[in-house]
Protein backbone atom coordinates (compact mmCIF):
# COMPACT_ATOMS: atom_id res chain seq x y z
CA MET A 1 -35.33 293.46 8.06
CA LEU A 2 -32.40 295.37 6.64
CA SER A 3 -31.10 298.41 8.46
CA GLY A 4 -33.23 301.45 7.71
CA ALA A 5 -36.11 299.46 6.18
CA SER A 6 -39.60 300.02 7.53
CA THR A 7 -41.19 296.74 6.38
CA TYR A 8 -40.24 293.07 6.39
CA ASN A 9 -39.56 291.21 3.12
CA TYR A 10 -41.12 287.76 3.56
CA GLU A 11 -41.23 287.04 -0.19
CA ASN A 12 -37.51 287.09 -0.93
CA PRO A 13 -35.54 287.86 2.26
CA VAL A 14 -31.82 288.48 2.30
CA ARG A 15 -29.85 285.35 3.23
CA ARG A 16 -26.33 285.91 4.45
CA ASP A 17 -23.96 285.43 7.35
CA VAL A 18 -22.88 289.08 7.59
CA VAL A 19 -25.10 292.15 7.76
CA SER A 20 -24.47 295.88 7.99
CA THR A 21 -26.36 297.55 10.81
CA GLY A 22 -26.12 300.95 9.16
CA ASN A 23 -26.33 304.15 11.18
CA LYS A 24 -29.36 303.18 13.25
CA GLY A 25 -28.04 299.77 14.25
CA ASP A 26 -31.45 298.11 14.01
CA VAL A 27 -31.45 294.76 12.20
CA THR A 28 -33.89 291.88 12.60
CA ILE A 29 -32.39 288.41 12.46
CA ARG A 30 -34.79 285.60 11.54
CA PHE A 31 -33.85 281.94 11.78
CA ARG A 32 -35.55 278.57 12.13
CA THR A 33 -35.56 277.29 15.70
CA ASP A 34 -35.79 273.53 15.42
CA ASN A 35 -32.75 272.30 17.33
CA PRO A 36 -33.17 272.43 21.15
CA GLY A 37 -30.34 273.72 23.29
CA PRO A 38 -28.24 276.78 23.95
CA TRP A 39 -26.89 278.45 20.80
CA PHE A 40 -24.10 281.01 20.87
CA LEU A 41 -24.23 284.08 18.61
CA HIS A 42 -21.34 286.52 18.55
CA TYR A 43 -19.85 289.31 16.57
CA ARG A 44 -17.06 288.14 14.27
CA ILE A 45 -14.22 290.15 15.82
CA ASP A 46 -12.67 288.54 18.91
CA TRP A 47 -12.12 291.70 20.93
CA HIS A 48 -15.79 292.59 20.47
CA LEU A 49 -16.63 289.14 21.80
CA GLU A 50 -14.41 289.80 24.83
CA ALA A 51 -16.27 293.10 25.33
CA GLY A 52 -19.52 291.20 25.74
CA LEU A 53 -21.03 291.50 22.26
CA ALA A 54 -22.45 287.99 22.34
CA VAL A 55 -25.69 286.28 23.30
CA ILE A 56 -26.91 282.76 23.95
CA PHE A 57 -30.26 281.81 22.46
CA ALA A 58 -32.16 279.25 24.49
CA GLU A 59 -34.11 277.15 21.98
CA ASP A 60 -36.87 274.95 23.44
CA ALA A 61 -35.45 275.06 26.97
CA GLY A 62 -38.32 272.91 28.25
CA ASP A 63 -37.12 269.94 26.21
CA TRP A 64 -33.39 270.23 26.85
CA ASN A 65 -33.38 267.36 29.31
CA SER A 66 -34.47 265.00 26.54
CA VAL A 67 -31.59 266.15 24.32
CA ILE A 68 -28.86 267.57 26.55
CA ASP A 69 -27.49 265.94 29.68
CA PRO A 70 -25.13 268.49 31.28
CA THR A 71 -22.89 267.30 34.06
CA CYS A 72 -22.08 269.21 37.23
CA THR A 73 -18.86 270.43 35.56
CA HIS A 74 -21.09 272.53 33.31
CA ASP A 75 -21.94 274.69 36.33
CA ASP A 76 -18.21 275.29 36.97
CA LEU A 77 -17.63 276.89 33.56
CA CYS A 78 -18.44 280.41 34.71
CA PRO A 79 -17.82 280.97 38.42
CA LYS A 80 -18.26 284.75 38.06
CA TYR A 81 -21.82 284.29 36.72
CA SER A 82 -22.59 281.63 39.32
CA SER A 83 -21.62 284.05 42.10
CA LEU A 84 -24.10 286.76 40.99
CA THR A 85 -27.08 287.48 43.17
CA PRO A 86 -30.62 287.75 41.70
CA GLU A 87 -30.31 291.55 41.95
CA ASP A 88 -27.18 291.43 39.76
CA LEU A 89 -28.89 289.57 36.93
């Protein structure tokens, strides 16, 4: 849904890689989820990325083991996150 719209356009939706969020900042992103694994989505400007404007989508996490075989070094990628307690998350 485009910013400011009140209904979804399923007939002929906008297809693009950049979208204006307008004044409200409410945009719906629709995409096909048919490739299991973690997928990284971020804003296009690096300093925004450093400020935390990014997200990881977990597609079909239940089947990752059949597709992805992470090693123990994967756990060492983010020691700050690994040190968080459940209350911090």
